[in-house]
Full PDB file with SEQRES, HELIX, SHEET, SSBOND, CRYST1, ORIGX, SCALE, CONECT and MASTER records, all heavy atoms in Angstrom:
SEQRES   1 A   30  LEU SER ARG HIS PHE VAL ALA GLN LEU ASN LYS GLU GLN          
SEQRES   2 A   30  GLY LEU ALA LEU ARG GLU MET THR ALA ASP ALA ASP ALA          
SEQRES   3 A   30  LEU LEU GLN THR                                              
HELIX    1 AA1 SER A    2  GLN A   13  1                                  12    
HELIX    2 AA2 ALA A   22  GLN A   29  1                                   8    
CRYST1    1.000    1.000    1.000  90.00  90.00  90.00 P 1           1          
ORIGX1      1.000000  0.000000  0.000000        0.00000                         
ORIGX2      0.000000  1.000000  0.000000        0.00000                         
ORIGX3      0.000000  0.000000  1.000000        0.00000                         
SCALE1      1.000000  0.000000  0.000000        0.00000                         
SCALE2      0.000000  1.000000  0.000000        0.00000                         
SCALE3      0.000000  0.000000  1.000000        0.00000                         
ATOM      1  N   LEU A   1     -18.113 -47.383  27.767  1.00  0.00           N  
ATOM      2  CA  LEU A   1     -17.731 -48.778  27.989  1.00  0.00           C  
ATOM      3  C   LEU A   1     -16.215 -48.909  28.000  1.00  0.00           C  
ATOM      4  O   LEU A   1     -15.693 -49.682  28.826  1.00  0.00           O  
ATOM      5  CB  LEU A   1     -18.325 -49.642  26.843  1.00  0.00           C  
ATOM      6  CG  LEU A   1     -19.814 -49.964  26.942  1.00  0.00           C  
ATOM      7  CD1 LEU A   1     -20.330 -50.497  25.630  1.00  0.00           C  
ATOM      8  CD2 LEU A   1     -20.088 -50.934  28.073  1.00  0.00           C  
ATOM      9  N   SER A   2     -15.524 -48.198  27.115  1.00  0.00           N  
ATOM     10  CA  SER A   2     -14.062 -48.311  27.066  1.00  0.00           C  
ATOM     11  C   SER A   2     -13.434 -47.893  28.388  1.00  0.00           C  
ATOM     12  O   SER A   2     -12.544 -48.566  28.914  1.00  0.00           O  
ATOM     13  CB  SER A   2     -13.507 -47.429  25.933  1.00  0.00           C  
ATOM     14  OG  SER A   2     -14.033 -47.836  24.674  1.00  0.00           O  
ATOM     15  N   ARG A   3     -13.906 -46.800  28.943  1.00  0.00           N  
ATOM     16  CA  ARG A   3     -13.369 -46.311  30.230  1.00  0.00           C  
ATOM     17  C   ARG A   3     -13.698 -47.282  31.360  1.00  0.00           C  
ATOM     18  O   ARG A   3     -12.900 -47.472  32.281  1.00  0.00           O  
ATOM     19  CB  ARG A   3     -13.911 -44.913  30.496  1.00  0.00           C  
ATOM     20  CG  ARG A   3     -13.210 -43.847  29.662  1.00  0.00           C  
ATOM     21  CD  ARG A   3     -14.004 -42.561  29.533  1.00  0.00           C  
ATOM     22  NE  ARG A   3     -13.267 -41.533  28.752  1.00  0.00           N  
ATOM     23  CZ  ARG A   3     -13.133 -41.567  27.425  1.00  0.00           C  
ATOM     24  NH1 ARG A   3     -13.695 -42.546  26.735  1.00  0.00           N  
ATOM     25  NH2 ARG A   3     -12.440 -40.645  26.788  1.00  0.00           N  
ATOM     26  N   HIS A   4     -14.877 -47.879  31.279  1.00  0.00           N  
ATOM     27  CA  HIS A   4     -15.258 -48.871  32.288  1.00  0.00           C  
ATOM     28  C   HIS A   4     -14.319 -50.079  32.232  1.00  0.00           C  
ATOM     29  O   HIS A   4     -13.850 -50.561  33.280  1.00  0.00           O  
ATOM     30  CB  HIS A   4     -16.706 -49.332  32.039  1.00  0.00           C  
ATOM     31  CG  HIS A   4     -17.087 -50.554  32.821  1.00  0.00           C  
ATOM     32  ND1 HIS A   4     -17.314 -50.538  34.170  1.00  0.00           N  
ATOM     33  CD2 HIS A   4     -17.289 -51.858  32.413  1.00  0.00           C  
ATOM     34  CE1 HIS A   4     -17.609 -51.771  34.581  1.00  0.00           C  
ATOM     35  NE2 HIS A   4     -17.627 -52.584  33.525  1.00  0.00           N  
ATOM     36  N   PHE A   5     -13.980 -50.545  31.026  1.00  0.00           N  
ATOM     37  CA  PHE A   5     -13.097 -51.693  30.889  1.00  0.00           C  
ATOM     38  C   PHE A   5     -11.674 -51.362  31.328  1.00  0.00           C  
ATOM     39  O   PHE A   5     -10.973 -52.213  31.925  1.00  0.00           O  
ATOM     40  CB  PHE A   5     -13.114 -52.204  29.445  1.00  0.00           C  
ATOM     41  CG  PHE A   5     -14.419 -52.851  29.051  1.00  0.00           C  
ATOM     42  CD1 PHE A   5     -14.943 -52.615  27.771  1.00  0.00           C  
ATOM     43  CD2 PHE A   5     -15.116 -53.643  29.905  1.00  0.00           C  
ATOM     44  CE1 PHE A   5     -16.140 -53.194  27.399  1.00  0.00           C  
ATOM     45  CE2 PHE A   5     -16.290 -54.243  29.555  1.00  0.00           C  
ATOM     46  CZ  PHE A   5     -16.815 -53.991  28.301  1.00  0.00           C  
ATOM     47  N   VAL A   6     -11.201 -50.136  31.042  1.00  0.00           N  
ATOM     48  CA  VAL A   6      -9.891 -49.729  31.544  1.00  0.00           C  
ATOM     49  C   VAL A   6      -9.839 -49.780  33.057  1.00  0.00           C  
ATOM     50  O   VAL A   6      -8.886 -50.334  33.633  1.00  0.00           O  
ATOM     51  CB  VAL A   6      -9.522 -48.281  31.035  1.00  0.00           C  
ATOM     52  CG1 VAL A   6      -8.307 -47.773  31.758  1.00  0.00           C  
ATOM     53  CG2 VAL A   6      -9.308 -48.273  29.517  1.00  0.00           C  
ATOM     54  N   ALA A   7     -10.848 -49.243  33.726  1.00  0.00           N  
ATOM     55  CA  ALA A   7     -10.883 -49.258  35.184  1.00  0.00           C  
ATOM     56  C   ALA A   7     -11.011 -50.684  35.718  1.00  0.00           C  
ATOM     57  O   ALA A   7     -10.380 -51.036  36.714  1.00  0.00           O  
ATOM     58  CB  ALA A   7     -12.074 -48.395  35.669  1.00  0.00           C  
ATOM     59  N   GLN A   8     -11.830 -51.477  35.049  1.00  0.00           N  
ATOM     60  CA  GLN A   8     -12.013 -52.868  35.484  1.00  0.00           C  
ATOM     61  C   GLN A   8     -10.735 -53.685  35.345  1.00  0.00           C  
ATOM     62  O   GLN A   8     -10.356 -54.431  36.283  1.00  0.00           O  
ATOM     63  CB  GLN A   8     -13.132 -53.513  34.658  1.00  0.00           C  
ATOM     64  CG  GLN A   8     -13.526 -54.918  35.112  1.00  0.00           C  
ATOM     65  CD  GLN A   8     -14.621 -55.509  34.218  1.00  0.00           C  
ATOM     66  OE1 GLN A   8     -14.373 -55.820  33.071  1.00  0.00           O  
ATOM     67  NE2 GLN A   8     -15.818 -55.624  34.753  1.00  0.00           N  
ATOM     68  N   LEU A   9     -10.052 -53.527  34.220  1.00  0.00           N  
ATOM     69  CA  LEU A   9      -8.797 -54.270  34.014  1.00  0.00           C  
ATOM     70  C   LEU A   9      -7.686 -53.782  34.938  1.00  0.00           C  
ATOM     71  O   LEU A   9      -6.799 -54.563  35.317  1.00  0.00           O  
ATOM     72  CB  LEU A   9      -8.388 -54.153  32.555  1.00  0.00           C  
ATOM     73  CG  LEU A   9      -9.298 -54.886  31.556  1.00  0.00           C  
ATOM     74  CD1 LEU A   9      -9.057 -54.412  30.122  1.00  0.00           C  
ATOM     75  CD2 LEU A   9      -9.104 -56.391  31.671  1.00  0.00           C  
ATOM     76  N   ASN A  10      -7.724 -52.487  35.305  1.00  0.00           N  
ATOM     77  CA  ASN A  10      -6.780 -51.973  36.253  1.00  0.00           C  
ATOM     78  C   ASN A  10      -7.000 -52.642  37.635  1.00  0.00           C  
ATOM     79  O   ASN A  10      -6.050 -53.020  38.310  1.00  0.00           O  
ATOM     80  CB  ASN A  10      -6.916 -50.466  36.356  1.00  0.00           C  
ATOM     81  CG  ASN A  10      -6.128 -49.867  37.525  1.00  0.00           C  
ATOM     82  OD1 ASN A  10      -6.707 -49.594  38.567  1.00  0.00           O  
ATOM     83  ND2 ASN A  10      -4.842 -49.707  37.365  1.00  0.00           N  
ATOM     84  N   LYS A  11      -8.244 -52.773  38.034  1.00  0.00           N  
ATOM     85  CA  LYS A  11      -8.581 -53.338  39.324  1.00  0.00           C  
ATOM     86  C   LYS A  11      -8.304 -54.837  39.343  1.00  0.00           C  
ATOM     87  O   LYS A  11      -7.766 -55.358  40.350  1.00  0.00           O  
ATOM     88  CB  LYS A  11     -10.068 -53.075  39.648  1.00  0.00           C  
ATOM     89  CG  LYS A  11     -10.529 -53.643  40.949  1.00  0.00           C  
ATOM     90  CD  LYS A  11     -12.001 -53.355  41.196  1.00  0.00           C  
ATOM     91  CE  LYS A  11     -12.504 -53.959  42.492  1.00  0.00           C  
ATOM     92  NZ  LYS A  11     -13.954 -53.702  42.691  1.00  0.00           N  
ATOM     93  N   GLU A  12      -8.677 -55.562  38.302  1.00  0.00           N  
ATOM     94  CA  GLU A  12      -8.564 -57.025  38.296  1.00  0.00           C  
ATOM     95  C   GLU A  12      -7.185 -57.523  37.945  1.00  0.00           C  
ATOM     96  O   GLU A  12      -6.739 -58.532  38.467  1.00  0.00           O  
ATOM     97  CB  GLU A  12      -9.575 -57.598  37.311  1.00  0.00           C  
ATOM     98  CG  GLU A  12     -11.039 -57.344  37.713  1.00  0.00           C  
ATOM     99  CD  GLU A  12     -12.013 -57.884  36.667  1.00  0.00           C  
ATOM    100  OE1 GLU A  12     -11.543 -58.328  35.589  1.00  0.00           O  
ATOM    101  OE2 GLU A  12     -13.209 -57.810  36.915  1.00  0.00           O  
ATOM    102  N   GLN A  13      -6.483 -56.820  37.027  1.00  0.00           N  
ATOM    103  CA  GLN A  13      -5.162 -57.329  36.553  1.00  0.00           C  
ATOM    104  C   GLN A  13      -4.007 -56.374  36.813  1.00  0.00           C  
ATOM    105  O   GLN A  13      -2.891 -56.706  36.522  1.00  0.00           O  
ATOM    106  CB  GLN A  13      -5.247 -57.606  35.048  1.00  0.00           C  
ATOM    107  CG  GLN A  13      -6.301 -58.623  34.645  1.00  0.00           C  
ATOM    108  CD  GLN A  13      -6.251 -58.941  33.148  1.00  0.00           C  
ATOM    109  OE1 GLN A  13      -5.189 -58.868  32.507  1.00  0.00           O  
ATOM    110  NE2 GLN A  13      -7.390 -59.247  32.567  1.00  0.00           N  
ATOM    111  N   GLY A  14      -4.309 -55.200  37.363  1.00  0.00           N  
ATOM    112  CA  GLY A  14      -3.248 -54.245  37.625  1.00  0.00           C  
ATOM    113  C   GLY A  14      -2.718 -53.569  36.372  1.00  0.00           C  
ATOM    114  O   GLY A  14      -1.619 -53.017  36.399  1.00  0.00           O  
ATOM    115  N   LEU A  15      -3.473 -53.588  35.265  1.00  0.00           N  
ATOM    116  CA  LEU A  15      -3.040 -52.932  34.052  1.00  0.00           C  
ATOM    117  C   LEU A  15      -3.131 -51.417  34.211  1.00  0.00           C  
ATOM    118  O   LEU A  15      -3.827 -50.909  35.093  1.00  0.00           O  
ATOM    119  CB  LEU A  15      -3.896 -53.389  32.850  1.00  0.00           C  
ATOM    120  CG  LEU A  15      -3.825 -54.897  32.524  1.00  0.00           C  
ATOM    121  CD1 LEU A  15      -4.715 -55.248  31.357  1.00  0.00           C  
ATOM    122  CD2 LEU A  15      -2.370 -55.276  32.216  1.00  0.00           C  
ATOM    123  N   ALA A  16      -2.420 -50.705  33.357  1.00  0.00           N  
ATOM    124  CA  ALA A  16      -2.317 -49.229  33.512  1.00  0.00           C  
ATOM    125  C   ALA A  16      -3.678 -48.583  33.413  1.00  0.00           C  
ATOM    126  O   ALA A  16      -4.516 -48.925  32.597  1.00  0.00           O  
ATOM    127  CB  ALA A  16      -1.401 -48.691  32.424  1.00  0.00           C  
ATOM    128  N   LEU A  17      -3.883 -47.569  34.274  1.00  0.00           N  
ATOM    129  CA  LEU A  17      -5.128 -46.782  34.297  1.00  0.00           C  
ATOM    130  C   LEU A  17      -4.939 -45.581  33.363  1.00  0.00           C  
ATOM    131  O   LEU A  17      -4.487 -44.519  33.804  1.00  0.00           O  
ATOM    132  CB  LEU A  17      -5.477 -46.352  35.716  1.00  0.00           C  
ATOM    133  CG  LEU A  17      -6.863 -45.751  35.939  1.00  0.00           C  
ATOM    134  CD1 LEU A  17      -7.939 -46.773  35.636  1.00  0.00           C  
ATOM    135  CD2 LEU A  17      -6.986 -45.289  37.410  1.00  0.00           C  
ATOM    136  N   ARG A  18      -5.269 -45.770  32.076  1.00  0.00           N  
ATOM    137  CA  ARG A  18      -5.009 -44.735  31.082  1.00  0.00           C  
ATOM    138  C   ARG A  18      -6.314 -44.148  30.569  1.00  0.00           C  
ATOM    139  O   ARG A  18      -7.319 -44.807  30.507  1.00  0.00           O  
ATOM    140  CB  ARG A  18      -4.205 -45.328  29.917  1.00  0.00           C  
ATOM    141  CG  ARG A  18      -2.844 -45.942  30.327  1.00  0.00           C  
ATOM    142  CD  ARG A  18      -2.221 -46.648  29.170  1.00  0.00           C  
ATOM    143  NE  ARG A  18      -1.876 -45.735  28.079  1.00  0.00           N  
ATOM    144  CZ  ARG A  18      -1.574 -46.110  26.845  1.00  0.00           C  
ATOM    145  NH1 ARG A  18      -1.581 -47.401  26.535  1.00  0.00           N  
ATOM    146  NH2 ARG A  18      -1.277 -45.231  25.928  1.00  0.00           N  
ATOM    147  N   GLU A  19      -6.243 -42.883  30.179  1.00  0.00           N  
ATOM    148  CA  GLU A  19      -7.426 -42.211  29.628  1.00  0.00           C  
ATOM    149  C   GLU A  19      -7.413 -42.379  28.106  1.00  0.00           C  
ATOM    150  O   GLU A  19      -6.394 -42.681  27.480  1.00  0.00           O  
ATOM    151  CB  GLU A  19      -7.318 -40.699  30.033  1.00  0.00           C  
ATOM    152  CG  GLU A  19      -8.590 -39.876  29.856  1.00  0.00           C  
ATOM    153  CD  GLU A  19      -9.869 -40.574  30.178  1.00  0.00           C  
ATOM    154  OE1 GLU A  19     -10.255 -40.645  31.357  1.00  0.00           O  
ATOM    155  OE2 GLU A  19     -10.483 -41.017  29.215  1.00  0.00           O  
ATOM    156  N   MET A  20      -8.600 -42.151  27.493  1.00  0.00           N  
ATOM    157  CA  MET A  20      -8.734 -42.277  26.036  1.00  0.00           C  
ATOM    158  C   MET A  20      -8.706 -40.867  25.415  1.00  0.00           C  
ATOM    159  O   MET A  20      -9.312 -39.941  25.944  1.00  0.00           O  
ATOM    160  CB  MET A  20     -10.076 -42.950  25.685  1.00  0.00           C  
ATOM    161  CG  MET A  20     -10.375 -44.233  26.376  1.00  0.00           C  
ATOM    162  SD  MET A  20      -9.471 -45.663  25.724  1.00  0.00           S  
ATOM    163  CE  MET A  20     -10.103 -45.755  24.076  1.00  0.00           C  
ATOM    164  N   THR A  21      -8.018 -40.732  24.281  1.00  0.00           N  
ATOM    165  CA  THR A  21      -8.060 -39.462  23.550  1.00  0.00           C  
ATOM    166  C   THR A  21      -9.371 -39.374  22.762  1.00  0.00           C  
ATOM    167  O   THR A  21     -10.037 -40.393  22.501  1.00  0.00           O  
ATOM    168  CB  THR A  21      -6.896 -39.313  22.581  1.00  0.00           C  
ATOM    169  OG1 THR A  21      -6.982 -40.342  21.579  1.00  0.00           O  
ATOM    170  CG2 THR A  21      -5.544 -39.425  23.308  1.00  0.00           C  
ATOM    171  N   ALA A  22      -9.724 -38.163  22.329  1.00  0.00           N  
ATOM    172  CA  ALA A  22     -10.923 -38.012  21.551  1.00  0.00           C  
ATOM    173  C   ALA A  22     -10.825 -38.743  20.223  1.00  0.00           C  
ATOM    174  O   ALA A  22     -11.818 -39.314  19.724  1.00  0.00           O  
ATOM    175  CB  ALA A  22     -11.198 -36.496  21.294  1.00  0.00           C  
ATOM    176  N   ASP A  23      -9.607 -38.766  19.619  1.00  0.00           N  
ATOM    177  CA  ASP A  23      -9.435 -39.482  18.354  1.00  0.00           C  
ATOM    178  C   ASP A  23      -9.610 -40.982  18.546  1.00  0.00           C  
ATOM    179  O   ASP A  23     -10.150 -41.670  17.692  1.00  0.00           O  
ATOM    180  CB  ASP A  23      -8.034 -39.178  17.799  1.00  0.00           C  
ATOM    181  CG  ASP A  23      -7.945 -37.777  17.211  1.00  0.00           C  
ATOM    182  OD1 ASP A  23      -8.999 -37.164  17.025  1.00  0.00           O  
ATOM    183  OD2 ASP A  23      -6.807 -37.337  16.962  1.00  0.00           O  
ATOM    184  N   ALA A  24      -9.144 -41.499  19.684  1.00  0.00           N  
ATOM    185  CA  ALA A  24      -9.318 -42.936  19.966  1.00  0.00           C  
ATOM    186  C   ALA A  24     -10.802 -43.274  20.131  1.00  0.00           C  
ATOM    187  O   ALA A  24     -11.265 -44.287  19.631  1.00  0.00           O  
ATOM    188  CB  ALA A  24      -8.533 -43.316  21.233  1.00  0.00           C  
ATOM    189  N   ASP A  25     -11.531 -42.410  20.837  1.00  0.00           N  
ATOM    190  CA  ASP A  25     -12.982 -42.595  20.988  1.00  0.00           C  
ATOM    191  C   ASP A  25     -13.655 -42.642  19.612  1.00  0.00           C  
ATOM    192  O   ASP A  25     -14.472 -43.487  19.326  1.00  0.00           O  
ATOM    193  CB  ASP A  25     -13.600 -41.453  21.826  1.00  0.00           C  
ATOM    194  CG  ASP A  25     -13.335 -41.662  23.310  1.00  0.00           C  
ATOM    195  OD1 ASP A  25     -13.107 -42.794  23.727  1.00  0.00           O  
ATOM    196  OD2 ASP A  25     -13.394 -40.650  24.030  1.00  0.00           O  
ATOM    197  N   ALA A  26     -13.281 -41.675  18.783  1.00  0.00           N  
ATOM    198  CA  ALA A  26     -13.917 -41.564  17.456  1.00  0.00           C  
ATOM    199  C   ALA A  26     -13.619 -42.804  16.623  1.00  0.00           C  
ATOM    200  O   ALA A  26     -14.534 -43.332  15.967  1.00  0.00           O  
ATOM    201  CB  ALA A  26     -13.390 -40.329  16.735  1.00  0.00           C  
ATOM    202  N   LEU A  27     -12.390 -43.297  16.658  1.00  0.00           N  
ATOM    203  CA  LEU A  27     -12.036 -44.493  15.887  1.00  0.00           C  
ATOM    204  C   LEU A  27     -12.811 -45.711  16.387  1.00  0.00           C  
ATOM    205  O   LEU A  27     -13.332 -46.476  15.600  1.00  0.00           O  
ATOM    206  CB  LEU A  27     -10.530 -44.727  15.917  1.00  0.00           C  
ATOM    207  CG  LEU A  27     -10.047 -45.950  15.134  1.00  0.00           C  
ATOM    208  CD1 LEU A  27     -10.436 -45.852  13.690  1.00  0.00           C  
ATOM    209  CD2 LEU A  27      -8.543 -46.109  15.300  1.00  0.00           C  
ATOM    210  N   LEU A  28     -12.882 -45.875  17.697  1.00  0.00           N  
ATOM    211  CA  LEU A  28     -13.603 -46.993  18.269  1.00  0.00           C  
ATOM    212  C   LEU A  28     -15.064 -46.966  17.863  1.00  0.00           C  
ATOM    213  O   LEU A  28     -15.701 -48.007  17.581  1.00  0.00           O  
ATOM    214  CB  LEU A  28     -13.511 -47.022  19.794  1.00  0.00           C  
ATOM    215  CG  LEU A  28     -12.139 -47.439  20.363  1.00  0.00           C  
ATOM    216  CD1 LEU A  28     -12.146 -47.251  21.879  1.00  0.00           C  
ATOM    217  CD2 LEU A  28     -11.811 -48.885  20.033  1.00  0.00           C  
ATOM    218  N   GLN A  29     -15.642 -45.753  17.833  1.00  0.00           N  
ATOM    219  CA  GLN A  29     -17.062 -45.622  17.480  1.00  0.00           C  
ATOM    220  C   GLN A  29     -17.347 -45.891  16.003  1.00  0.00           C  
ATOM    221  O   GLN A  29     -18.448 -46.178  15.629  1.00  0.00           O  
ATOM    222  CB  GLN A  29     -17.558 -44.214  17.824  1.00  0.00           C  
ATOM    223  CG  GLN A  29     -17.753 -44.011  19.330  1.00  0.00           C  
ATOM    224  CD  GLN A  29     -18.331 -42.621  19.617  1.00  0.00           C  
ATOM    225  OE1 GLN A  29     -17.657 -41.623  19.408  1.00  0.00           O  
ATOM    226  NE2 GLN A  29     -19.552 -42.589  20.121  1.00  0.00           N  
ATOM    227  N   THR A  30     -16.318 -45.807  15.155  1.00  0.00           N  
ATOM    228  CA  THR A  30     -16.540 -46.010  13.713  1.00  0.00           C  
ATOM    229  C   THR A  30     -16.102 -47.398  13.253  1.00  0.00           C  
ATOM    230  O   THR A  30     -16.356 -47.780  12.114  1.00  0.00           O  
ATOM    231  CB  THR A  30     -15.760 -44.962  12.900  1.00  0.00           C  
ATOM    232  OG1 THR A  30     -14.384 -45.033  13.212  1.00  0.00           O  
ATOM    233  CG2 THR A  30     -16.292 -43.576  13.205  1.00  0.00           C  
TER     234      THR A  30                                                      
MASTER        0    0    0    2    0    0    0    6  233    1    0    3          
END                                                                             
């Protein structure tokens, strides 16, 4: 979902298309 929102916000608002680190994924999941 996080990657989907990054891509969506890039398309709709021109925000940066950035990847998530494994630590960021883990923190979001907890």
